């Protein structure tokens, strides 16, 4: 999931698990193809039965082995990404698909130095993460005293620095309130030499790399610190002056990336259903929940659908996106390359994101964006997924279609979108525990973008449930056109 955290949004709507009067879903037996004429749900039932967590776990384990054998991550342009992509390609080819590599290049950053030291009143090593597209320090670094805003600790407005001289100093602010890019613009305007940001997660040792968007707004060196390290600095500052030395440097590079695209050989191209997940990870993690689990489950859905391609009505396109963690680059490139006819012929997009979060919530994208309703048809996708779960007596909650995953480029192009997400850094509210279990007040995924995002971090139960739900939805729309009126 794209690592530019924003305030988590969720709808208050919780589906009742008592929808017993809904059409009964049979998930214990695969419907015979001969039933297709009389049963419009035959393919949805077949895929929801045949696609299982244990089958998809085989692919997930292969991703884990490939990742750990090739550098420990799947960053775009890395050997780890190439190894995982090779496995996807072979598995799809063996199933009968023709796989296309959609290649692109994009401006990227390579980290050169990320060190910080508190030099007074005590000597202490810090562990900052330099923001993508941040200004770098010189090779000699920056030595300066620490300062904090006089107003709100988030430092989002010039008024937060009123009465506080931060000229030439290193400013420490808290996360939240506004984008990181705005924080550093405001701090630079007040005269600060650099910005450190307390990510302020409940896990005191958790740190996540942010980014300056757009890159042209970069003004001063900007990095994040864990809550534990930020609190130590604040405690020292409360007693007197704190001196720091920062060495935060990166260099601009151009990265070559590629998406993997596989279409069913049959089906109406004018009603193409796109199913997608990102295959890449960030550089700090093996990324099993984010997002190897989704990529593995999607691979199993494609493998099982290959058995029925002669009987589908609408073409299904499976896409494994690259460089999602660098700003949705791969999916945006794909959408940008579509002709007007191809865009019009893309019926809908289904997105799988972080489907195995250990402290999960059963979140279904709710057809709403931060600015209002998503393209017509998005709410019908939500209803299809929600109805599936209701028939299983599994409650769901809604999640906004924000800019943090690969559905965003499709929505901005006017294409209906939906999907599932088990959650990242959102804290589980107490009212969700009776619905999903787990622990209140803790992150849905405490290993989000951390080195602990291994196979042990993937919850097999929600992994299986989300996989069957998207298998059902894929099968449904492979034989039935999207009806935004909900019929």
Protein backbone atom coordinates (compact mmCIF):
# COMPACT_ATOMS: atom_id res chain seq x y z
CA UNK A 1 0.00 0.00 0.00
CA UNK A 2 1.26 3.40 -0.94
CA UNK A 3 3.29 4.67 1.99
CA UNK A 4 2.07 8.24 2.23
CA UNK A 5 -0.17 7.92 5.26
CA UNK A 6 -3.17 10.15 5.61
CA UNK A 7 -5.89 10.32 8.21
CA UNK A 8 -7.72 6.96 7.96
CA UNK A 9 -11.27 7.24 6.71
CA UNK A 10 -14.02 4.73 7.17
CA UNK A 11 -17.75 4.75 6.77
CA UNK A 12 -19.94 4.20 9.75
CA UNK A 13 -22.09 1.75 7.84
CA UNK A 14 -21.77 -1.82 9.10
CA UNK A 15 -23.60 -4.52 7.22
CA UNK A 16 -25.77 -6.81 9.21
CA UNK A 17 -24.80 -10.44 9.09
CA UNK A 18 -28.47 -11.44 9.16
CA UNK A 19 -29.12 -11.24 5.41
CA UNK A 20 -30.38 -14.82 5.38
CA UNK A 21 -33.01 -14.01 2.81
CA UNK A 22 -30.37 -13.23 0.19
CA UNK A 23 -29.73 -15.66 -2.63
CA UNK A 24 -27.99 -18.67 -1.13
CA UNK A 25 -24.33 -19.03 -2.11
CA UNK A 26 -23.08 -22.59 -2.48
CA UNK A 27 -19.35 -22.68 -1.75
CA UNK A 28 -18.97 -26.37 -1.13
CA UNK A 29 -19.42 -27.63 -4.66
CA UNK A 30 -18.44 -26.31 -8.07
CA UNK A 31 -21.36 -25.74 -10.38
CA UNK A 32 -21.19 -27.68 -13.61
CA UNK A 33 -20.78 -25.62 -16.79
CA UNK A 34 -24.05 -27.09 -18.08
CA UNK A 35 -25.82 -25.14 -15.34
CA UNK A 36 -24.77 -21.83 -16.85
CA UNK A 37 -27.92 -21.45 -18.89
CA UNK A 38 -30.20 -21.69 -15.85
CA UNK A 39 -27.95 -20.35 -13.10
CA UNK A 40 -26.43 -16.87 -13.68
CA UNK A 41 -24.25 -17.34 -10.60
CA UNK A 42 -22.57 -20.57 -11.72
CA UNK A 43 -19.12 -19.10 -12.40
CA UNK A 44 -19.12 -16.97 -9.25
CA UNK A 45 -19.96 -20.08 -7.24
CA UNK A 46 -17.33 -22.15 -9.00
CA UNK A 47 -14.52 -19.66 -8.40
CA UNK A 48 -15.52 -18.98 -4.79
CA UNK A 49 -15.32 -22.73 -4.21
CA UNK A 50 -12.13 -23.45 -6.13
CA UNK A 51 -10.10 -20.43 -4.99
CA UNK A 52 -8.91 -21.09 -1.44
CA UNK A 53 -6.40 -19.67 0.99
CA UNK A 54 -4.28 -22.87 1.11
CA UNK A 55 -3.99 -22.96 -2.69
CA UNK A 56 -3.01 -19.30 -2.88
CA UNK A 57 -0.60 -19.75 0.05
CA UNK A 58 1.53 -21.89 -2.26
CA UNK A 59 2.12 -18.78 -4.41
CA UNK A 60 2.65 -16.60 -1.36
CA UNK A 61 5.34 -18.94 -0.08
CA UNK A 62 7.02 -18.82 -3.49
CA UNK A 63 6.99 -15.01 -3.35
CA UNK A 64 8.53 -15.15 0.11
CA UNK A 65 11.32 -17.43 -1.01
CA UNK A 66 12.02 -15.33 -4.10
CA UNK A 67 12.05 -12.11 -2.06
CA UNK A 68 14.41 -13.38 0.63
CA UNK A 69 16.74 -14.93 -1.94
CA UNK A 70 17.05 -11.65 -3.85
CA UNK A 71 17.74 -8.86 -1.39
CA UNK A 72 14.81 -9.10 1.01
CA UNK A 73 12.43 -6.73 -0.80
CA UNK A 74 10.64 -6.25 -4.12
CA UNK A 75 11.35 -2.59 -4.78
CA UNK A 76 10.74 -1.57 -8.37
CA UNK A 77 13.83 -2.31 -10.45
CA UNK A 78 15.20 -4.80 -7.91
CA UNK A 79 16.19 -8.48 -8.29
CA UNK A 80 13.45 -9.33 -5.79
CA UNK A 81 10.77 -7.82 -8.01
CA UNK A 82 12.17 -9.58 -11.07
CA UNK A 83 12.17 -12.95 -9.27
CA UNK A 84 8.55 -12.56 -8.15
CA UNK A 85 7.52 -11.40 -11.62
CA UNK A 86 9.21 -14.44 -13.17
CA UNK A 87 7.16 -16.71 -10.91
CA UNK A 88 3.92 -14.95 -11.87
CA UNK A 89 4.79 -15.19 -15.55
CA UNK A 90 5.61 -18.91 -15.42
CA UNK A 91 2.49 -19.76 -13.43
CA UNK A 92 0.24 -17.84 -15.80
CA UNK A 93 1.93 -19.29 -18.88
CA UNK A 94 1.49 -22.81 -17.51
CA UNK A 95 -2.22 -22.02 -17.06
CA UNK A 96 -2.54 -21.00 -20.71
CA UNK A 97 -2.28 -17.21 -20.56
CA UNK A 98 -0.12 -15.02 -22.74
CA UNK A 99 1.68 -12.60 -20.43
CA UNK A 100 2.67 -9.12 -21.54
CA UNK A 101 5.30 -6.98 -19.83
CA UNK A 102 4.24 -3.35 -19.93
CA UNK A 103 7.50 -1.45 -19.49
CA UNK A 104 7.95 2.15 -18.36
CA UNK A 105 10.52 4.44 -16.74
CA UNK A 106 10.00 6.95 -13.97
CA UNK A 107 12.00 9.46 -11.90
CA UNK A 108 13.16 7.84 -8.67
CA UNK A 109 15.44 8.40 -5.69
CA UNK A 110 18.26 6.30 -4.30
CA UNK A 111 19.14 6.81 -0.64
CA UNK A 112 22.83 7.61 -0.06
CA UNK A 113 22.95 8.54 3.65
CA UNK A 114 20.34 8.44 6.43
CA UNK A 115 22.04 9.16 9.74
CA UNK A 116 21.33 11.49 12.61
CA UNK A 117 23.03 11.99 15.95
CA UNK A 118 22.06 13.87 19.06
CA UNK A 119 25.38 15.43 20.08
CA UNK A 120 24.20 17.31 23.19
CA UNK A 121 23.21 17.12 25.98
CA UNK A 122 23.80 13.38 25.40
CA UNK A 123 25.27 11.33 22.59
CA UNK A 124 22.54 9.28 20.91
CA UNK A 125 22.19 7.68 17.49
CA UNK A 126 18.89 8.26 15.71
CA UNK A 127 17.43 6.33 12.78
CA UNK A 128 15.71 8.71 10.36
CA UNK A 129 14.13 7.83 7.03
CA UNK A 130 14.66 10.53 4.42
CA UNK A 131 11.48 11.45 2.54
CA UNK A 132 11.34 10.64 -1.14
CA UNK A 133 12.16 13.70 -3.26
CA UNK A 134 13.42 15.61 -0.22
CA UNK A 135 16.24 18.11 -0.50
CA UNK A 136 19.53 16.54 0.65
CA UNK A 137 22.06 17.90 3.10
CA UNK A 138 25.60 18.51 1.91
CA UNK A 139 28.15 15.73 2.37
CA UNK A 140 29.26 17.52 5.53
CA UNK A 141 25.70 17.37 6.83
CA UNK A 142 23.88 19.87 9.04
CA UNK A 143 24.76 20.65 12.67
CA UNK A 144 22.15 22.76 14.43
CA UNK A 145 20.00 23.04 17.52
CA UNK A 146 16.56 21.52 17.81
CA UNK A 147 13.39 23.62 17.79
CA UNK A 148 9.67 22.90 18.01
CA UNK A 149 6.66 24.92 16.82
CA UNK A 150 5.24 27.41 19.30
CA UNK A 151 1.68 26.57 18.28
CA UNK A 152 0.32 23.23 17.17
CA UNK A 153 2.92 20.47 17.21
CA UNK A 154 1.96 19.46 13.66
CA UNK A 155 3.45 22.68 12.27
CA UNK A 156 1.02 23.02 9.38
CA UNK A 157 0.61 26.82 9.35
CA UNK A 158 2.95 29.83 9.64
CA UNK A 159 1.06 30.80 12.80
CA UNK A 160 2.44 27.69 14.50
CA UNK A 161 5.87 29.39 14.46
CA UNK A 162 4.72 32.81 15.64
CA UNK A 163 6.97 33.99 18.47
CA UNK A 164 9.47 31.17 17.94
CA UNK A 165 12.78 31.83 16.15
CA UNK A 166 13.65 28.66 14.20
CA UNK A 167 16.10 30.28 11.78
CA UNK A 168 18.87 27.85 10.92
CA UNK A 169 17.48 25.22 13.32
CA UNK A 170 16.24 21.66 12.90
CA UNK A 171 12.50 21.62 13.56
CA UNK A 172 10.72 18.63 15.10
CA UNK A 173 6.99 18.33 14.31
CA UNK A 174 4.33 15.67 14.80
CA UNK A 175 2.57 13.75 12.04
CA UNK A 176 -0.98 14.63 11.10
CA UNK A 177 -2.94 17.71 10.28
CA UNK A 178 -1.54 18.15 6.77
CA UNK A 179 0.77 16.59 4.22
CA UNK A 180 4.48 16.22 4.91
CA UNK A 181 5.20 18.38 1.88
CA UNK A 182 3.26 21.28 3.42
CA UNK A 183 4.97 20.88 6.78
CA UNK A 184 8.42 21.33 5.25
CA UNK A 185 7.29 24.27 3.09
CA UNK A 186 5.93 26.03 6.20
CA UNK A 187 9.06 25.23 8.25
CA UNK A 188 11.31 26.48 5.44
CA UNK A 189 9.29 29.68 5.27
CA UNK A 190 9.95 30.20 8.98
CA UNK A 191 13.70 29.82 8.34
CA UNK A 192 14.29 26.21 9.44
CA UNK A 193 17.33 24.40 8.06
CA UNK A 194 15.75 20.92 8.19
CA UNK A 195 12.61 19.10 9.33
CA UNK A 196 12.23 15.95 11.41
CA UNK A 197 8.77 14.46 11.79
CA UNK A 198 7.55 12.18 14.58
CA UNK A 199 5.45 9.52 12.81
CA UNK A 200 3.70 9.10 16.17
CA UNK A 201 2.46 5.52 15.79
CA UNK A 202 1.31 3.44 18.74
CA UNK A 203 4.18 1.08 17.99
CA UNK A 204 7.01 3.27 19.35
CA UNK A 205 9.69 1.70 17.14
CA UNK A 206 7.74 1.95 13.87
CA UNK A 207 8.96 4.29 11.16
CA UNK A 208 7.64 4.84 7.64
CA UNK A 209 9.19 6.77 4.78
CA UNK A 210 7.08 9.68 3.54
CA UNK A 211 7.35 11.63 0.30
CA UNK A 212 7.30 15.20 -0.93
CA UNK A 213 4.46 15.51 -3.44
CA UNK A 214 4.85 17.16 -5.85
CA UNK A 215 8.68 16.99 -5.83
CA UNK A 216 8.91 20.63 -6.89
CA UNK A 217 7.72 21.63 -3.42
CA UNK A 218 10.87 20.26 -1.75
CA UNK A 219 12.56 23.04 0.25
CA UNK A 220 14.64 21.58 3.10
CA UNK A 221 15.95 18.14 4.16
CA UNK A 222 12.98 16.23 5.59
CA UNK A 223 12.96 12.88 7.40
CA UNK A 224 10.80 10.86 9.79
CA UNK A 225 11.65 9.49 13.24
CA UNK A 226 10.01 6.82 15.38
CA UNK A 227 7.81 7.99 18.22
CA UNK A 228 10.32 6.61 20.75
CA UNK A 229 13.22 8.64 19.33
CA UNK A 230 11.12 11.77 18.92
CA UNK A 231 9.94 11.56 22.53
CA UNK A 232 13.53 11.24 23.73
CA UNK A 233 14.42 14.41 21.85
CA UNK A 234 11.41 16.25 23.26
CA UNK A 235 12.27 15.14 26.80
CA UNK A 236 15.83 16.46 26.40
CA UNK A 237 14.56 19.70 24.85
CA UNK A 238 12.29 20.27 27.85
CA UNK A 239 15.42 20.46 30.01
CA UNK A 240 17.54 22.66 27.76
CA UNK A 241 19.18 23.05 24.37
CA UNK A 242 19.54 19.97 22.13
CA UNK A 243 22.16 19.78 19.38
CA UNK A 244 21.87 17.48 16.36
CA UNK A 245 23.90 16.47 13.36
CA UNK A 246 22.08 15.22 10.24
CA UNK A 247 23.47 13.49 7.17
CA UNK A 248 20.49 12.98 4.87
CA UNK A 249 21.37 12.50 1.23
CA UNK A 250 19.86 10.87 -1.83
CA UNK A 251 20.40 11.06 -5.53
CA UNK A 252 17.95 11.20 -8.37
CA UNK A 253 17.86 8.19 -10.68
CA UNK A 254 15.64 6.83 -13.42
CA UNK A 255 14.13 3.43 -12.71
CA UNK A 256 12.87 0.98 -15.32
CA UNK A 257 9.77 -0.85 -14.21
CA UNK A 258 7.13 -3.09 -15.71
CA UNK A 259 3.61 -4.31 -15.07
CA UNK A 260 2.50 -7.85 -15.90
CA UNK A 261 -0.73 -8.09 -17.90
CA UNK A 262 -2.65 -11.27 -18.74
CA UNK A 263 -6.01 -11.29 -20.55
CA UNK A 264 -8.45 -14.14 -20.88
CA UNK A 265 -8.35 -15.30 -24.52
CA UNK A 266 -12.14 -15.02 -24.77
CA UNK A 267 -14.74 -12.51 -23.65
CA UNK A 268 -16.06 -9.19 -24.90
CA UNK A 269 -13.30 -6.58 -25.02
CA UNK A 270 -15.93 -3.84 -24.80
CA UNK A 271 -16.77 -5.07 -21.28
CA UNK A 272 -13.32 -5.72 -19.85
CA UNK A 273 -13.10 -6.48 -16.13
CA UNK A 274 -9.68 -5.55 -14.71
CA UNK A 275 -8.46 -7.28 -11.53
CA UNK A 276 -5.28 -5.83 -10.07
CA UNK A 277 -2.81 -5.78 -7.19
CA UNK A 278 0.69 -4.41 -6.81
CA UNK A 279 3.62 -6.79 -6.76
CA UNK A 280 6.28 -4.38 -5.49
CA UNK A 281 7.17 -3.58 -1.87
CA UNK A 282 8.99 -0.76 -0.12
CA UNK A 283 12.71 -1.06 0.61
CA UNK A 284 12.31 -1.71 4.35
CA UNK A 285 10.34 -4.96 4.20
CA UNK A 286 9.79 -8.30 2.46
CA UNK A 287 6.19 -7.11 2.06
CA UNK A 288 4.22 -10.31 2.49
CA UNK A 289 0.96 -8.64 3.54
CA UNK A 290 1.81 -5.50 1.58
CA UNK A 291 1.27 -6.74 -1.02
CA UNK A 292 2.47 -10.26 -1.84
CA UNK A 293 -0.65 -11.79 -0.28
CA UNK A 294 -2.94 -9.95 -2.69
CA UNK A 295 -0.70 -10.71 -5.66
CA UNK A 296 -0.66 -14.40 -4.73
CA UNK A 297 -4.43 -14.61 -4.30
CA UNK A 298 -4.99 -12.84 -7.61
CA UNK A 299 -2.68 -15.37 -9.27
CA UNK A 300 -4.79 -18.24 -7.95
CA UNK A 301 -8.00 -16.55 -9.17
CA UNK A 302 -6.46 -16.23 -12.64
CA UNK A 303 -5.32 -19.85 -12.56
CA UNK A 304 -8.78 -21.14 -11.66
CA UNK A 305 -10.58 -18.87 -14.15
CA UNK A 306 -8.42 -20.32 -16.94
CA UNK A 307 -10.49 -23.50 -16.67
CA UNK A 308 -13.64 -21.58 -17.70
CA UNK A 309 -12.45 -19.02 -20.25
CA UNK A 310 -14.45 -20.62 -23.04
CA UNK A 311 -17.69 -19.83 -21.23
CA UNK A 312 -17.16 -16.27 -20.00
CA UNK A 313 -18.94 -13.34 -21.66
CA UNK A 314 -16.68 -10.45 -20.63
CA UNK A 315 -12.91 -10.34 -21.01
CA UNK A 316 -11.02 -10.41 -17.72
CA UNK A 317 -7.65 -8.68 -17.49
CA UNK A 318 -5.32 -9.54 -14.61
CA UNK A 319 -2.67 -6.96 -13.80
CA UNK A 320 0.25 -7.05 -11.39
CA UNK A 321 1.36 -3.45 -10.91
CA UNK A 322 4.89 -2.24 -10.40
CA UNK A 323 5.98 0.86 -8.45
CA UNK A 324 2.76 1.32 -6.49
CA UNK A 325 4.92 2.18 -3.50
CA UNK A 326 6.63 4.91 -5.54
CA UNK A 327 3.35 6.72 -6.12
CA UNK A 328 0.98 4.41 -8.06
CA UNK A 329 3.33 4.66 -11.03
CA UNK A 330 2.57 1.36 -12.77
CA UNK A 331 -1.22 1.53 -12.62
CA UNK A 332 -1.18 5.19 -13.62
CA UNK A 333 1.00 4.37 -16.62
CA UNK A 334 -1.39 1.60 -17.66
CA UNK A 335 -4.42 3.88 -17.50
CA UNK A 336 -2.55 6.66 -19.34
CA UNK A 337 -1.77 4.26 -22.21
CA UNK A 338 -5.40 3.30 -22.75
CA UNK A 339 -7.03 4.81 -25.82
CA UNK A 340 -10.42 6.43 -25.44
CA UNK A 341 -12.01 3.27 -26.86
CA UNK A 342 -10.08 1.09 -24.40
CA UNK A 343 -11.08 3.27 -21.46
CA UNK A 344 -14.71 3.14 -22.51
CA UNK A 345 -14.37 -0.62 -22.86
CA UNK A 346 -13.01 -1.04 -19.31
CA UNK A 347 -16.16 -1.94 -17.42
CA UNK A 348 -14.70 -1.88 -13.91
CA UNK A 349 -11.59 -2.32 -11.78
CA UNK A 350 -11.26 -4.66 -8.77
CA UNK A 351 -8.38 -3.90 -6.40
CA UNK A 352 -6.78 -6.24 -3.85
CA UNK A 353 -4.68 -4.49 -1.19
CA UNK A 354 -3.20 -5.91 2.03
CA UNK A 355 -5.67 -8.78 2.29
CA UNK A 356 -3.96 -10.60 5.19
CA UNK A 357 -3.57 -7.99 7.94
CA UNK A 358 -3.14 -9.76 11.31
CA UNK A 359 -5.48 -7.50 13.32
CA UNK A 360 -7.75 -7.14 10.30
CA UNK A 361 -10.98 -5.39 9.56
CA UNK A 362 -13.13 -6.79 6.76
CA UNK A 363 -13.08 -3.56 4.77
CA UNK A 364 -14.82 -3.17 1.43
CA UNK A 365 -14.26 -0.04 -0.64
CA UNK A 366 -17.51 1.86 -0.37
CA UNK A 367 -17.92 3.71 -3.66
CA UNK A 368 -16.95 7.06 -2.15
CA UNK A 369 -13.82 9.16 -2.68
CA UNK A 370 -12.62 11.99 -0.41
CA UNK A 371 -14.25 14.40 -2.86
CA UNK A 372 -17.57 12.61 -3.30
CA UNK A 373 -19.04 9.62 -5.13
CA UNK A 374 -16.75 7.47 -7.27
CA UNK A 375 -17.71 6.84 -10.93
CA UNK A 376 -21.17 5.39 -11.50
CA UNK A 377 -21.09 1.67 -10.95
CA UNK A 378 -18.64 1.76 -8.05
CA UNK A 379 -21.40 1.39 -5.49
CA UNK A 380 -22.75 -1.61 -7.39
CA UNK A 381 -19.33 -3.28 -7.05
CA UNK A 382 -19.47 -2.56 -3.32
CA UNK A 383 -22.94 -4.12 -3.13
CA UNK A 384 -21.79 -7.24 -4.96
CA UNK A 385 -18.92 -7.82 -2.51
CA UNK A 386 -20.97 -6.88 0.54
CA UNK A 387 -23.80 -9.18 -0.50
CA UNK A 388 -21.35 -12.05 -0.85
CA UNK A 389 -20.11 -11.54 2.70
CA UNK A 390 -23.64 -11.11 4.05
CA UNK A 391 -24.53 -14.54 2.69
CA UNK A 392 -21.59 -15.93 4.64
CA UNK A 393 -22.75 -14.13 7.81
CA UNK A 394 -19.52 -12.11 7.76
CA UNK A 395 -19.98 -8.40 8.59
CA UNK A 396 -18.05 -5.70 6.75
CA UNK A 397 -17.25 -2.03 7.12
CA UNK A 398 -16.79 0.52 4.36
CA UNK A 399 -13.50 2.10 3.32
CA UNK A 400 -13.10 5.19 1.21
CA UNK A 401 -11.51 4.99 -2.24
CA UNK A 402 -8.63 7.34 -1.42
CA UNK A 403 -5.36 7.94 -3.30
CA UNK A 404 -3.36 5.28 -1.49
CA UNK A 405 -3.78 2.33 -3.83
CA UNK A 406 -4.07 1.39 -7.49
CA UNK A 407 -7.79 2.02 -7.81
CA UNK A 408 -7.07 5.76 -7.85
CA UNK A 409 -5.91 6.12 -11.49
CA UNK A 410 -8.95 4.17 -12.69
CA UNK A 411 -11.36 6.31 -10.70
CA UNK A 412 -9.76 9.51 -11.99
CA UNK A 413 -10.22 8.16 -15.52
CA UNK A 414 -13.93 7.70 -14.86
CA UNK A 415 -13.80 3.90 -14.48
CA UNK A 416 -15.88 2.31 -11.68
CA UNK A 417 -13.75 0.65 -9.00
CA UNK A 418 -14.03 -1.39 -5.83
CA UNK A 419 -12.24 -4.06 -3.88
CA UNK A 420 -11.04 -5.13 -0.45
CA UNK A 421 -8.42 -4.09 2.10
CA UNK A 422 -7.73 -5.60 5.53
CA UNK A 423 -6.00 -2.46 6.80
CA UNK A 424 -2.66 -0.81 7.47
CA UNK A 425 -1.84 1.69 10.22
CA UNK A 426 -5.44 2.42 11.27
CA UNK A 427 -6.10 1.68 14.95
CA UNK A 428 -8.90 -0.82 15.51
CA UNK A 429 -11.80 0.84 17.36
CA UNK A 430 -13.46 -1.09 20.16
CA UNK A 431 -16.73 -1.42 18.23
CA UNK A 432 -14.95 -3.44 15.54
CA UNK A 433 -13.76 -6.18 17.91
CA UNK A 434 -17.16 -7.95 18.12
CA UNK A 435 -17.28 -7.91 14.31
CA UNK A 436 -13.77 -9.10 13.47
CA UNK A 437 -12.02 -10.11 16.68
CA UNK A 438 -8.52 -8.85 17.33
CA UNK A 439 -7.33 -6.12 19.67
CA UNK A 440 -8.80 -2.65 20.06
CA UNK A 441 -6.44 0.30 19.99
CA UNK A 442 -3.80 -1.54 17.96
CA UNK A 443 -2.94 -1.15 14.29
CA UNK A 444 -4.66 -3.39 11.80
CA UNK A 445 -1.16 -4.29 10.61
CA UNK A 446 1.55 -3.52 13.16
CA UNK A 447 4.19 -4.60 10.61
CA UNK A 448 3.06 -2.14 7.93
CA UNK A 449 6.20 -1.27 5.92
CA UNK A 450 8.36 -2.91 8.58
CA UNK A 451 10.88 -5.76 8.42
CA UNK A 452 8.44 -8.02 10.32
CA UNK A 453 6.04 -8.16 7.34
CA UNK A 454 6.90 -11.81 6.71
CA UNK A 455 4.73 -14.88 6.14
CA UNK A 456 4.03 -14.94 9.88
CA UNK A 457 2.37 -11.53 9.52
CA UNK A 458 -0.35 -12.81 7.16
CA UNK A 459 -3.65 -13.86 8.75
CA UNK A 460 -4.80 -17.03 6.92
CA UNK A 461 -8.49 -16.54 7.78
CA UNK A 462 -9.02 -13.11 6.22
CA UNK A 463 -6.64 -14.07 3.40
CA UNK A 464 -9.00 -16.92 2.49
CA UNK A 465 -12.18 -14.87 3.00
CA UNK A 466 -11.07 -11.95 0.86
CA UNK A 467 -9.76 -14.31 -1.81
CA UNK A 468 -13.09 -16.11 -2.12
CA UNK A 469 -14.97 -12.78 -2.16
CA UNK A 470 -12.93 -11.39 -5.04
CA UNK A 471 -13.10 -14.75 -6.82
CA UNK A 472 -16.90 -14.56 -6.51
CA UNK A 473 -16.96 -10.97 -7.76
CA UNK A 474 -14.63 -11.73 -10.67
CA UNK A 475 -16.77 -14.68 -11.71
CA UNK A 476 -19.93 -12.62 -11.42
CA UNK A 477 -18.73 -9.80 -13.65
CA UNK A 478 -17.08 -12.19 -16.10
CA UNK A 479 -20.56 -13.33 -17.15
CA UNK A 480 -22.71 -10.31 -16.23
CA UNK A 481 -22.19 -6.70 -17.26
CA UNK A 482 -21.93 -4.08 -14.55
CA UNK A 483 -25.29 -2.46 -13.81
CA UNK A 484 -24.75 0.75 -11.84
CA UNK A 485 -28.46 0.80 -10.97
CA UNK A 486 -27.87 -2.23 -8.75
CA UNK A 487 -29.97 -4.80 -10.62
